[in-house]
Amino acid sequence: MTRVLIVEDQKMAQENMEAIIRSSDAYTWAGTIPNAADAELFCMREPVDLILMDVCTARDENGIEAAAVIKKKFPEIKIIIVTSMAEHSFIEKAKAARADSFWYKDSGHDELLDVMNRTVSGESIFPDKTPEVKLGLTTSYELTQYELNVIRALMQSTGDEDAASMLGCTKSNVRWHIGRILDKTGYRTRMELLIAIAQKNLIIVTPDKALEDSE
């Protein structure tokens, strides 16, 4: 049977994935750990065929980075990146890390089992787009990529000047885009907007401050 390691720091998500594994005759639960940085050591000590790897784990360890390390040392281990966060860059980063598939936690349990089965069979399953997130009067799909980049820069910066530097534009350009975003969403202030963004896990701040380019 396929031995599955779960790397997840949220108890409910852990229990849900463990239940899915136990409900199938094709899989056996190898273990659950909360920290992605410990996954490599686990694979050195225990036989693992498939990893369900969360992106953001305990102690702020990054599951995608851990997946890249594991794939170099254990290329035969299949890795499915799992997340509840509608951060568009995760999909491409997971592909670059040589993860085999990608799954959003908000999808149904049957879908996860299907992704697991297809991944073990040699397929690579990645969503075409992130989930649509309601944001005030609009949704994430109605914001342009550049508007999302402006929001990301604001969440990572110390102010408009810093955000403009990250984006390679002027402060007035940043403020103009924020005005457009507020008009679309209906939020009164940028603080209301940024709080809503954070609560909905729409934009994830990354240490390298990498921004997608171009308007």
Foldseek 3Di string as FASTA:
>chain_A
DAEEEEAAADPVLVVLVQVLQVVDPVYDYPYYHFALVCPQVSVVVDPHAEYAFEQQGPPRHGNLVSLLVCCVVPVRHAYEYEYQAQEFVVQVSNVVSVHQEYYYPVDDSVVVVVCVVVSSVPHRYYDPHGDWAQAAQRIPVPDDLVLLLLLQLVVVDPDLCSSCVLQVHDSVVSVVSVVVVCVRRVDPDVVVRNVRCVVSNHHDHDPVSDGDHDD
